[in-house]
Amino acid sequence: MSGRAWFEFLSDEDLAFVRRFVLASGSLKEVAKLYGVTYPTIRLRLDRLITKIEVVEQHAEVSEFERLLRAQFADQKLSHETFKLLLSAHLKEQEKSHDQSESA
């Protein structure tokens, strides 16, 4: 992967979760106890983290901005509407820039 590695897109909170998960030998029940939440809550958090990592890795060849945008969306920090709007504007800018460089 060119650019940043998947773990660089994780927040400090995500990294702390991964650390606790590893130290608990991958036991979601143990992690749930450590956080004082239910197993389904931890399962949902892990699923979101998996999605975030998959999004970053699946889009390794796109721009840094797009990878970051997709990671923020996967982390539910952007609404679907905002994500689509920003991604569309970014892709239009890239297309415009590409067309200008070809005509030069």
PDB file of N, CA and C in Angstrom:
ATOM      1  N   MET A   1       0.858  -1.173   0.000  1.00  0.00           N
ATOM      2  CA  MET A   1       0.000   0.000   0.000  1.00  0.00           C
ATOM      3  C   MET A   1       0.897   1.225   0.000  1.00  0.00           C
ATOM      4  N   SER A   2       0.630   2.101  -0.924  1.00  0.00           N
ATOM      5  CA  SER A   2       1.358   3.360  -0.915  1.00  0.00           C
ATOM      6  C   SER A   2       0.656   4.301   0.051  1.00  0.00           C
ATOM      7  N   GLY A   3       1.398   5.251   0.573  1.00  0.00           N
ATOM      8  CA  GLY A   3       0.791   6.181   1.519  1.00  0.00           C
ATOM      9  C   GLY A   3       0.750   5.587   2.911  1.00  0.00           C
ATOM     10  N   ARG A   4      -0.245   5.987   3.657  1.00  0.00           N
ATOM     11  CA  ARG A   4      -0.344   5.589   5.055  1.00  0.00           C
ATOM     12  C   ARG A   4      -0.888   4.169   5.212  1.00  0.00           C
ATOM     13  N   ALA A   5      -0.443   3.502   6.260  1.00  0.00           N
ATOM     14  CA  ALA A   5      -0.924   2.160   6.590  1.00  0.00           C
ATOM     15  C   ALA A   5      -2.288   2.259   7.272  1.00  0.00           C
ATOM     16  N   TRP A   6      -3.035   1.166   7.254  1.00  0.00           N
ATOM     17  CA  TRP A   6      -4.400   1.157   7.799  1.00  0.00           C
ATOM     18  C   TRP A   6      -4.447   1.634   9.240  1.00  0.00           C
ATOM     19  N   PHE A   7      -3.475   1.258  10.065  1.00  0.00           N
ATOM     20  CA  PHE A   7      -3.530   1.609  11.480  1.00  0.00           C
ATOM     21  C   PHE A   7      -3.337   3.099  11.720  1.00  0.00           C
ATOM     22  N   GLU A   8      -2.795   3.800  10.737  1.00  0.00           N
ATOM     23  CA  GLU A   8      -2.627   5.248  10.887  1.00  0.00           C
ATOM     24  C   GLU A   8      -3.958   5.985  10.763  1.00  0.00           C
ATOM     25  N   PHE A   9      -4.987   5.308  10.293  1.00  0.00           N
ATOM     26  CA  PHE A   9      -6.312   5.914  10.171  1.00  0.00           C
ATOM     27  C   PHE A   9      -7.163   5.666  11.412  1.00  0.00           C
ATOM     28  N   LEU A  10      -6.613   4.922  12.379  1.00  0.00           N
ATOM     29  CA  LEU A  10      -7.352   4.637  13.596  1.00  0.00           C
ATOM     30  C   LEU A  10      -7.144   5.758  14.609  1.00  0.00           C
ATOM     31  N   SER A  11      -8.211   6.080  15.302  1.00  0.00           N
ATOM     32  CA  SER A  11      -8.124   7.094  16.358  1.00  0.00           C
ATOM     33  C   SER A  11      -7.399   6.495  17.568  1.00  0.00           C
ATOM     34  N   ASP A  12      -7.031   7.347  18.506  1.00  0.00           N
ATOM     35  CA  ASP A  12      -6.409   6.864  19.741  1.00  0.00           C
ATOM     36  C   ASP A  12      -7.355   5.908  20.461  1.00  0.00           C
ATOM     37  N   GLU A  13      -8.634   6.212  20.409  1.00  0.00           N
ATOM     38  CA  GLU A  13      -9.647   5.359  21.035  1.00  0.00           C
ATOM     39  C   GLU A  13      -9.694   3.989  20.351  1.00  0.00           C
ATOM     40  N   ASP A  14      -9.614   3.982  19.017  1.00  0.00           N
ATOM     41  CA  ASP A  14      -9.587   2.713  18.272  1.00  0.00           C
ATOM     42  C   ASP A  14      -8.362   1.892  18.648  1.00  0.00           C
ATOM     43  N   LEU A  15      -7.216   2.552  18.721  1.00  0.00           N
ATOM     44  CA  LEU A  15      -5.975   1.853  19.062  1.00  0.00           C
ATOM     45  C   LEU A  15      -6.022   1.297  20.477  1.00  0.00           C
ATOM     46  N   ALA A  16      -6.619   2.043  21.405  1.00  0.00           N
ATOM     47  CA  ALA A  16      -6.769   1.550  22.780  1.00  0.00           C
ATOM     48  C   ALA A  16      -7.665   0.313  22.794  1.00  0.00           C
ATOM     49  N   PHE A  17      -8.718   0.335  21.984  1.00  0.00           N
ATOM     50  CA  PHE A  17      -9.618  -0.817  21.881  1.00  0.00           C
ATOM     51  C   PHE A  17      -8.866  -2.030  21.336  1.00  0.00           C
ATOM     52  N   VAL A  18      -8.092  -1.834  20.273  1.00  0.00           N
ATOM     53  CA  VAL A  18      -7.316  -2.933  19.680  1.00  0.00           C
ATOM     54  C   VAL A  18      -6.348  -3.495  20.722  1.00  0.00           C
ATOM     55  N   ARG A  19      -5.693  -2.608  21.460  1.00  0.00           N
ATOM     56  CA  ARG A  19      -4.750  -3.040  22.505  1.00  0.00           C
ATOM     57  C   ARG A  19      -5.458  -3.889  23.552  1.00  0.00           C
ATOM     58  N   ARG A  20      -6.586  -3.412  24.032  1.00  0.00           N
ATOM     59  CA  ARG A  20      -7.345  -4.179  25.035  1.00  0.00           C
ATOM     60  C   ARG A  20      -7.810  -5.520  24.475  1.00  0.00           C
ATOM     61  N   PHE A  21      -8.240  -5.518  23.226  1.00  0.00           N
ATOM     62  CA  PHE A  21      -8.704  -6.739  22.567  1.00  0.00           C
ATOM     63  C   PHE A  21      -7.566  -7.763  22.497  1.00  0.00           C
ATOM     64  N   VAL A  22      -6.388  -7.325  22.108  1.00  0.00           N
ATOM     65  CA  VAL A  22      -5.229  -8.218  22.006  1.00  0.00           C
ATOM     66  C   VAL A  22      -4.833  -8.724  23.390  1.00  0.00           C
ATOM     67  N   LEU A  23      -4.757  -7.819  24.361  1.00  0.00           N
ATOM     68  CA  LEU A  23      -4.381  -8.223  25.712  1.00  0.00           C
ATOM     69  C   LEU A  23      -5.400  -9.174  26.344  1.00  0.00           C
ATOM     70  N   ALA A  24      -6.646  -9.112  25.879  1.00  0.00           N
ATOM     71  CA  ALA A  24      -7.693 -10.019  26.361  1.00  0.00           C
ATOM     72  C   ALA A  24      -7.734 -11.291  25.513  1.00  0.00           C
ATOM     73  N   SER A  25      -6.691 -11.517  24.725  1.00  0.00           N
ATOM     74  CA  SER A  25      -6.584 -12.704  23.848  1.00  0.00           C
ATOM     75  C   SER A  25      -7.759 -12.819  22.890  1.00  0.00           C
ATOM     76  N   GLY A  26      -8.287 -11.694  22.479  1.00  0.00           N
ATOM     77  CA  GLY A  26      -9.376 -11.689  21.510  1.00  0.00           C
ATOM     78  C   GLY A  26     -10.738 -12.040  22.080  1.00  0.00           C
ATOM     79  N   SER A  27     -10.857 -12.019  23.381  1.00  0.00           N
ATOM     80  CA  SER A  27     -12.134 -12.344  24.025  1.00  0.00           C
ATOM     81  C   SER A  27     -13.019 -11.099  24.091  1.00  0.00           C
ATOM     82  N   LEU A  28     -14.074 -11.104  23.290  1.00  0.00           N
ATOM     83  CA  LEU A  28     -15.001  -9.973  23.319  1.00  0.00           C
ATOM     84  C   LEU A  28     -15.717  -9.877  24.667  1.00  0.00           C
ATOM     85  N   LYS A  29     -15.981 -11.019  25.288  1.00  0.00           N
ATOM     86  CA  LYS A  29     -16.619 -11.002  26.608  1.00  0.00           C
ATOM     87  C   LYS A  29     -15.725 -10.305  27.633  1.00  0.00           C
ATOM     88  N   GLU A  30     -14.429 -10.581  27.564  1.00  0.00           N
ATOM     89  CA  GLU A  30     -13.483  -9.948  28.487  1.00  0.00           C
ATOM     90  C   GLU A  30     -13.397  -8.447  28.220  1.00  0.00           C
ATOM     91  N   VAL A  31     -13.370  -8.062  26.959  1.00  0.00           N
ATOM     92  CA  VAL A  31     -13.307  -6.642  26.604  1.00  0.00           C
ATOM     93  C   VAL A  31     -14.578  -5.934  27.067  1.00  0.00           C
ATOM     94  N   ALA A  32     -15.712  -6.597  26.905  1.00  0.00           N
ATOM     95  CA  ALA A  32     -16.974  -6.010  27.371  1.00  0.00           C
ATOM     96  C   ALA A  32     -16.915  -5.751  28.876  1.00  0.00           C
ATOM     97  N   LYS A  33     -16.352  -6.686  29.629  1.00  0.00           N
ATOM     98  CA  LYS A  33     -16.204  -6.494  31.081  1.00  0.00           C
ATOM     99  C   LYS A  33     -15.297  -5.303  31.376  1.00  0.00           C
ATOM    100  N   LEU A  34     -14.179  -5.208  30.649  1.00  0.00           N
ATOM    101  CA  LEU A  34     -13.235  -4.110  30.869  1.00  0.00           C
ATOM    102  C   LEU A  34     -13.873  -2.752  30.621  1.00  0.00           C
ATOM    103  N   TYR A  35     -14.727  -2.668  29.598  1.00  0.00           N
ATOM    104  CA  TYR A  35     -15.398  -1.408  29.264  1.00  0.00           C
ATOM    105  C   TYR A  35     -16.689  -1.203  30.069  1.00  0.00           C
ATOM    106  N   GLY A  36     -17.166  -2.259  30.700  1.00  0.00           N
ATOM    107  CA  GLY A  36     -18.407  -2.158  31.465  1.00  0.00           C
ATOM    108  C   GLY A  36     -19.633  -2.018  30.581  1.00  0.00           C
ATOM    109  N   VAL A  37     -19.594  -2.693  29.415  1.00  0.00           N
ATOM    110  CA  VAL A  37     -20.721  -2.662  28.481  1.00  0.00           C
ATOM    111  C   VAL A  37     -21.091  -4.098  28.108  1.00  0.00           C
ATOM    112  N   THR A  38     -22.134  -4.228  27.323  1.00  0.00           N
ATOM    113  CA  THR A  38     -22.592  -5.561  26.927  1.00  0.00           C
ATOM    114  C   THR A  38     -21.767  -6.119  25.765  1.00  0.00           C
ATOM    115  N   TYR A  39     -21.841  -7.426  25.627  1.00  0.00           N
ATOM    116  CA  TYR A  39     -21.162  -8.095  24.519  1.00  0.00           C
ATOM    117  C   TYR A  39     -21.605  -7.534  23.160  1.00  0.00           C
ATOM    118  N   PRO A  40     -22.933  -7.362  22.917  1.00  0.00           N
ATOM    119  CA  PRO A  40     -23.345  -6.812  21.615  1.00  0.00           C
ATOM    120  C   PRO A  40     -22.769  -5.421  21.330  1.00  0.00           C
ATOM    121  N   THR A  41     -22.586  -4.617  22.363  1.00  0.00           N
ATOM    122  CA  THR A  41     -21.991  -3.288  22.185  1.00  0.00           C
ATOM    123  C   THR A  41     -20.547  -3.417  21.697  1.00  0.00           C
ATOM    124  N   ILE A  42     -19.794  -4.325  22.304  1.00  0.00           N
ATOM    125  CA  ILE A  42     -18.403  -4.544  21.889  1.00  0.00           C
ATOM    126  C   ILE A  42     -18.355  -5.169  20.509  1.00  0.00           C
ATOM    127  N   ARG A  43     -19.257  -6.076  20.212  1.00  0.00           N
ATOM    128  CA  ARG A  43     -19.299  -6.704  18.888  1.00  0.00           C
ATOM    129  C   ARG A  43     -19.548  -5.642  17.815  1.00  0.00           C
ATOM    130  N   LEU A  44     -20.458  -4.717  18.083  1.00  0.00           N
ATOM    131  CA  LEU A  44     -20.753  -3.631  17.148  1.00  0.00           C
ATOM    132  C   LEU A  44     -19.522  -2.747  16.960  1.00  0.00           C
ATOM    133  N   ARG A  45     -18.830  -2.447  18.030  1.00  0.00           N
ATOM    134  CA  ARG A  45     -17.616  -1.623  17.935  1.00  0.00           C
ATOM    135  C   ARG A  45     -16.544  -2.323  17.103  1.00  0.00           C
ATOM    136  N   LEU A  46     -16.378  -3.612  17.320  1.00  0.00           N
ATOM    137  CA  LEU A  46     -15.401  -4.376  16.536  1.00  0.00           C
ATOM    138  C   LEU A  46     -15.808  -4.414  15.070  1.00  0.00           C
ATOM    139  N   ASP A  47     -17.088  -4.616  14.797  1.00  0.00           N
ATOM    140  CA  ASP A  47     -17.566  -4.627  13.403  1.00  0.00           C
ATOM    141  C   ASP A  47     -17.288  -3.299  12.712  1.00  0.00           C
ATOM    142  N   ARG A  48     -17.504  -2.200  13.405  1.00  0.00           N
ATOM    143  CA  ARG A  48     -17.225  -0.875  12.835  1.00  0.00           C
ATOM    144  C   ARG A  48     -15.737  -0.691  12.567  1.00  0.00           C
ATOM    145  N   LEU A  49     -14.918  -1.182  13.472  1.00  0.00           N
ATOM    146  CA  LEU A  49     -13.468  -1.094  13.306  1.00  0.00           C
ATOM    147  C   LEU A  49     -13.009  -1.933  12.108  1.00  0.00           C
ATOM    148  N   ILE A  50     -13.576  -3.114  11.969  1.00  0.00           N
ATOM    149  CA  ILE A  50     -13.272  -3.972  10.818  1.00  0.00           C
ATOM    150  C   ILE A  50     -13.653  -3.265   9.524  1.00  0.00           C
ATOM    151  N   THR A  51     -14.836  -2.669   9.498  1.00  0.00           N
ATOM    152  CA  THR A  51     -15.286  -1.940   8.312  1.00  0.00           C
ATOM    153  C   THR A  51     -14.336  -0.804   7.984  1.00  0.00           C
ATOM    154  N   LYS A  52     -13.906  -0.080   8.989  1.00  0.00           N
ATOM    155  CA  LYS A  52     -12.992   1.041   8.792  1.00  0.00           C
ATOM    156  C   LYS A  52     -11.683   0.559   8.161  1.00  0.00           C
ATOM    157  N   ILE A  53     -11.127  -0.520   8.680  1.00  0.00           N
ATOM    158  CA  ILE A  53      -9.878  -1.060   8.143  1.00  0.00           C
ATOM    159  C   ILE A  53     -10.081  -1.560   6.713  1.00  0.00           C
ATOM    160  N   GLU A  54     -11.188  -2.240   6.458  1.00  0.00           N
ATOM    161  CA  GLU A  54     -11.471  -2.740   5.113  1.00  0.00           C
ATOM    162  C   GLU A  54     -11.600  -1.592   4.113  1.00  0.00           C
ATOM    163  N   VAL A  55     -12.286  -0.539   4.511  1.00  0.00           N
ATOM    164  CA  VAL A  55     -12.468   0.617   3.632  1.00  0.00           C
ATOM    165  C   VAL A  55     -11.120   1.221   3.261  1.00  0.00           C
ATOM    166  N   VAL A  56     -10.261   1.391   4.236  1.00  0.00           N
ATOM    167  CA  VAL A  56      -8.943   1.974   3.982  1.00  0.00           C
ATOM    168  C   VAL A  56      -8.130   1.074   3.055  1.00  0.00           C
ATOM    169  N   GLU A  57      -8.140  -0.230   3.310  1.00  0.00           N
ATOM    170  CA  GLU A  57      -7.344  -1.143   2.498  1.00  0.00           C
ATOM    171  C   GLU A  57      -7.913  -1.320   1.092  1.00  0.00           C
ATOM    172  N   GLN A  58      -9.219  -1.328   0.948  1.00  0.00           N
ATOM    173  CA  GLN A  58      -9.837  -1.499  -0.370  1.00  0.00           C
ATOM    174  C   GLN A  58      -9.624  -0.287  -1.261  1.00  0.00           C
ATOM    175  N   HIS A  59      -9.354   0.834  -0.660  1.00  0.00           N
ATOM    176  CA  HIS A  59      -9.175   2.065  -1.425  1.00  0.00           C
ATOM    177  C   HIS A  59      -7.749   2.578  -1.326  1.00  0.00           C
ATOM    178  N   ALA A  60      -6.807   1.651  -1.321  1.00  0.00           N
ATOM    179  CA  ALA A  60      -5.393   1.995  -1.165  1.00  0.00           C
ATOM    180  C   ALA A  60      -4.863   2.825  -2.324  1.00  0.00           C
ATOM    181  N   GLU A  61      -5.457   2.704  -3.492  1.00  0.00           N
ATOM    182  CA  GLU A  61      -4.954   3.403  -4.678  1.00  0.00           C
ATOM    183  C   GLU A  61      -5.599   4.768  -4.893  1.00  0.00           C
ATOM    184  N   VAL A  62      -6.504   5.155  -4.032  1.00  0.00           N
ATOM    185  CA  VAL A  62      -7.151   6.469  -4.175  1.00  0.00           C
ATOM    186  C   VAL A  62      -6.337   7.514  -3.434  1.00  0.00           C
ATOM    187  N   SER A  63      -6.747   8.750  -3.551  1.00  0.00           N
ATOM    188  CA  SER A  63      -6.013   9.848  -2.910  1.00  0.00           C
ATOM    189  C   SER A  63      -6.079   9.739  -1.388  1.00  0.00           C
ATOM    190  N   GLU A  64      -5.142  10.381  -0.755  1.00  0.00           N
ATOM    191  CA  GLU A  64      -5.091  10.435   0.704  1.00  0.00           C
ATOM    192  C   GLU A  64      -6.393  11.019   1.262  1.00  0.00           C
ATOM    193  N   PHE A  65      -6.904  12.075   0.599  1.00  0.00           N
ATOM    194  CA  PHE A  65      -8.146  12.712   1.042  1.00  0.00           C
ATOM    195  C   PHE A  65      -9.300  11.717   0.993  1.00  0.00           C
ATOM    196  N   GLU A  66      -9.393  10.973  -0.104  1.00  0.00           N
ATOM    197  CA  GLU A  66     -10.505  10.026  -0.233  1.00  0.00           C
ATOM    198  C   GLU A  66     -10.410   8.911   0.799  1.00  0.00           C
ATOM    199  N   ARG A  67      -9.207   8.403   1.054  1.00  0.00           N
ATOM    200  CA  ARG A  67      -9.042   7.370   2.081  1.00  0.00           C
ATOM    201  C   ARG A  67      -9.467   7.893   3.446  1.00  0.00           C
ATOM    202  N   LEU A  68      -9.044   9.123   3.751  1.00  0.00           N
ATOM    203  CA  LEU A  68      -9.408   9.717   5.033  1.00  0.00           C
ATOM    204  C   LEU A  68     -10.920   9.936   5.113  1.00  0.00           C
ATOM    205  N   LEU A  69     -11.503  10.414   4.042  1.00  0.00           N
ATOM    206  CA  LEU A  69     -12.945  10.634   3.986  1.00  0.00           C
ATOM    207  C   LEU A  69     -13.694   9.323   4.216  1.00  0.00           C
ATOM    208  N   ARG A  70     -13.269   8.278   3.538  1.00  0.00           N
ATOM    209  CA  ARG A  70     -13.920   6.969   3.682  1.00  0.00           C
ATOM    210  C   ARG A  70     -13.742   6.422   5.102  1.00  0.00           C
ATOM    211  N   ALA A  71     -12.573   6.624   5.681  1.00  0.00           N
ATOM    212  CA  ALA A  71     -12.331   6.162   7.050  1.00  0.00           C
ATOM    213  C   ALA A  71     -13.232   6.906   8.033  1.00  0.00           C
ATOM    214  N   GLN A  72     -13.394   8.209   7.844  1.00  0.00           N
ATOM    215  CA  GLN A  72     -14.265   8.999   8.723  1.00  0.00           C
ATOM    216  C   GLN A  72     -15.724   8.548   8.586  1.00  0.00           C
ATOM    217  N   PHE A  73     -16.132   8.230   7.371  1.00  0.00           N
ATOM    218  CA  PHE A  73     -17.495   7.752   7.151  1.00  0.00           C
ATOM    219  C   PHE A  73     -17.694   6.385   7.811  1.00  0.00           C
ATOM    220  N   ALA A  74     -16.724   5.497   7.635  1.00  0.00           N
ATOM    221  CA  ALA A  74     -16.813   4.169   8.249  1.00  0.00           C
ATOM    222  C   ALA A  74     -16.855   4.273   9.772  1.00  0.00           C
ATOM    223  N   ASP A  75     -16.220   5.301  10.303  1.00  0.00           N
ATOM    224  CA  ASP A  75     -16.190   5.525  11.746  1.00  0.00           C
ATOM    225  C   ASP A  75     -17.429   6.283  12.222  1.00  0.00           C
ATOM    226  N   GLN A  76     -18.356   6.516  11.309  1.00  0.00           N
ATOM    227  CA  GLN A  76     -19.625   7.203  11.580  1.00  0.00           C
ATOM    228  C   GLN A  76     -19.434   8.626  12.080  1.00  0.00           C
ATOM    229  N   LYS A  77     -18.386   9.284  11.584  1.00  0.00           N
ATOM    230  CA  LYS A  77     -18.151  10.679  11.930  1.00  0.00           C
ATOM    231  C   LYS A  77     -18.746  11.615  10.880  1.00  0.00           C
ATOM    232  N   LEU A  78     -19.204  11.028   9.778  1.00  0.00           N
ATOM    233  CA  LEU A  78     -19.874  11.789   8.713  1.00  0.00           C
ATOM    234  C   LEU A  78     -21.180  11.091   8.365  1.00  0.00           C
ATOM    235  N   SER A  79     -22.194  11.884   8.078  1.00  0.00           N
ATOM    236  CA  SER A  79     -23.451  11.290   7.615  1.00  0.00           C
ATOM    237  C   SER A  79     -23.258  10.798   6.187  1.00  0.00           C
ATOM    238  N   HIS A  80     -24.137   9.940   5.751  1.00  0.00           N
ATOM    239  CA  HIS A  80     -24.063   9.414   4.388  1.00  0.00           C
ATOM    240  C   HIS A  80     -24.182  10.555   3.377  1.00  0.00           C
ATOM    241  N   GLU A  81     -25.067  11.479   3.653  1.00  0.00           N
ATOM    242  CA  GLU A  81     -25.280  12.621   2.764  1.00  0.00           C
ATOM    243  C   GLU A  81     -24.015  13.488   2.651  1.00  0.00           C
ATOM    244  N   THR A  82     -23.389  13.778   3.785  1.00  0.00           N
ATOM    245  CA  THR A  82     -22.160  14.581   3.789  1.00  0.00           C
ATOM    246  C   THR A  82     -21.032  13.838   3.075  1.00  0.00           C
ATOM    247  N   PHE A  83     -20.911  12.556   3.341  1.00  0.00           N
ATOM    248  CA  PHE A  83     -19.891  11.741   2.679  1.00  0.00           C
ATOM    249  C   PHE A  83     -20.041  11.803   1.158  1.00  0.00           C
ATOM    250  N   LYS A  84     -21.259  11.572   0.677  1.00  0.00           N
ATOM    251  CA  LYS A  84     -21.491  11.587  -0.767  1.00  0.00           C
ATOM    252  C   LYS A  84     -21.192  12.949  -1.374  1.00  0.00           C
ATOM    253  N   LEU A  85     -21.586  14.002  -0.688  1.00  0.00           N
ATOM    254  CA  LEU A  85     -21.363  15.364  -1.164  1.00  0.00           C
ATOM    255  C   LEU A  85     -19.865  15.675  -1.262  1.00  0.00           C
ATOM    256  N   LEU A  86     -19.115  15.366  -0.210  1.00  0.00           N
ATOM    257  CA  LEU A  86     -17.674  15.632  -0.210  1.00  0.00           C
ATOM    258  C   LEU A  86     -16.936  14.750  -1.213  1.00  0.00           C
ATOM    259  N   LEU A  87     -17.311  13.494  -1.296  1.00  0.00           N
ATOM    260  CA  LEU A  87     -16.658  12.588  -2.244  1.00  0.00           C
ATOM    261  C   LEU A  87     -16.920  13.037  -3.675  1.00  0.00           C
ATOM    262  N   SER A  88     -18.142  13.408  -3.972  1.00  0.00           N
ATOM    263  CA  SER A  88     -18.489  13.872  -5.315  1.00  0.00           C
ATOM    264  C   SER A  88     -17.680  15.116  -5.690  1.00  0.00           C
ATOM    265  N   ALA A  89     -17.604  16.066  -4.782  1.00  0.00           N
ATOM    266  CA  ALA A  89     -16.842  17.292  -5.048  1.00  0.00           C
ATOM    267  C   ALA A  89     -15.362  16.972  -5.253  1.00  0.00           C
ATOM    268  N   HIS A  90     -14.841  16.087  -4.440  1.00  0.00           N
ATOM    269  CA  HIS A  90     -13.433  15.698  -4.556  1.00  0.00           C
ATOM    270  C   HIS A  90     -13.163  15.015  -5.901  1.00  0.00           C
ATOM    271  N   LEU A  91     -14.024  14.096  -6.288  1.00  0.00           N
ATOM    272  CA  LEU A  91     -13.826  13.391  -7.553  1.00  0.00           C
ATOM    273  C   LEU A  91     -13.924  14.341  -8.743  1.00  0.00           C
ATOM    274  N   LYS A  92     -14.828  15.313  -8.660  1.00  0.00           N
ATOM    275  CA  LYS A  92     -14.925  16.327  -9.725  1.00  0.00           C
ATOM    276  C   LYS A  92     -13.641  17.142  -9.807  1.00  0.00           C
ATOM    277  N   GLU A  93     -13.084  17.515  -8.663  1.00  0.00           N
ATOM    278  CA  GLU A  93     -11.825  18.268  -8.633  1.00  0.00           C
ATOM    279  C   GLU A  93     -10.683  17.448  -9.230  1.00  0.00           C
ATOM    280  N   GLN A  94     -10.637  16.180  -8.892  1.00  0.00           N
ATOM    281  CA  GLN A  94      -9.587  15.310  -9.430  1.00  0.00           C
ATOM    282  C   GLN A  94      -9.723  15.181 -10.942  1.00  0.00           C
ATOM    283  N   GLU A  95     -10.954  15.013 -11.396  1.00  0.00           N
ATOM    284  CA  GLU A  95     -11.213  14.886 -12.838  1.00  0.00           C
ATOM    285  C   GLU A  95     -10.802  16.169 -13.552  1.00  0.00           C
ATOM    286  N   LYS A  96     -11.170  17.299 -12.996  1.00  0.00           N
ATOM    287  CA  LYS A  96     -10.831  18.602 -13.566  1.00  0.00           C
ATOM    288  C   LYS A  96      -9.313  18.774 -13.628  1.00  0.00           C
ATOM    289  N   SER A  97      -8.636  18.422 -12.559  1.00  0.00           N
ATOM    290  CA  SER A  97      -7.186  18.524 -12.496  1.00  0.00           C
ATOM    291  C   SER A  97      -6.527  17.591 -13.513  1.00  0.00           C
ATOM    292  N   HIS A  98      -7.075  16.400 -13.655  1.00  0.00           N
ATOM    293  CA  HIS A  98      -6.548  15.425 -14.617  1.00  0.00           C
ATOM    294  C   HIS A  98      -6.727  15.931 -16.047  1.00  0.00           C
ATOM    295  N   ASP A  99      -7.909  16.495 -16.333  1.00  0.00           N
ATOM    296  CA  ASP A  99      -8.178  17.036 -17.677  1.00  0.00           C
ATOM    297  C   ASP A  99      -7.240  18.187 -17.991  1.00  0.00           C
ATOM    298  N   GLN A 100      -6.972  19.037 -16.997  1.00  0.00           N
ATOM    299  CA  GLN A 100      -6.078  20.175 -17.217  1.00  0.00           C
ATOM    300  C   GLN A 100      -4.643  19.710 -17.467  1.00  0.00           C
ATOM    301  N   SER A 101      -4.229  18.675 -16.774  1.00  0.00           N
ATOM    302  CA  SER A 101      -2.848  18.194 -16.975  1.00  0.00           C
ATOM    303  C   SER A 101      -2.693  17.495 -18.313  1.00  0.00           C
ATOM    304  N   GLU A 102      -3.771  16.858 -18.812  1.00  0.00           N
ATOM    305  CA  GLU A 102      -3.703  16.222 -20.126  1.00  0.00           C
ATOM    306  C   GLU A 102      -3.672  17.245 -21.250  1.00  0.00           C
ATOM    307  N   SER A 103      -4.347  18.383 -21.057  1.00  0.00           N
ATOM    308  CA  SER A 103      -4.406  19.389 -22.121  1.00  0.00           C
ATOM    309  C   SER A 103      -3.163  20.279 -22.132  1.00  0.00           C
ATOM    310  N   ALA A 104      -2.342  20.162 -21.117  1.00  0.00           N
ATOM    311  CA  ALA A 104      -1.118  20.989 -21.044  1.00  0.00           C
ATOM    312  C   ALA A 104       0.013  20.393 -21.859  1.00  0.00           C
TER     313      ALA A 104
END
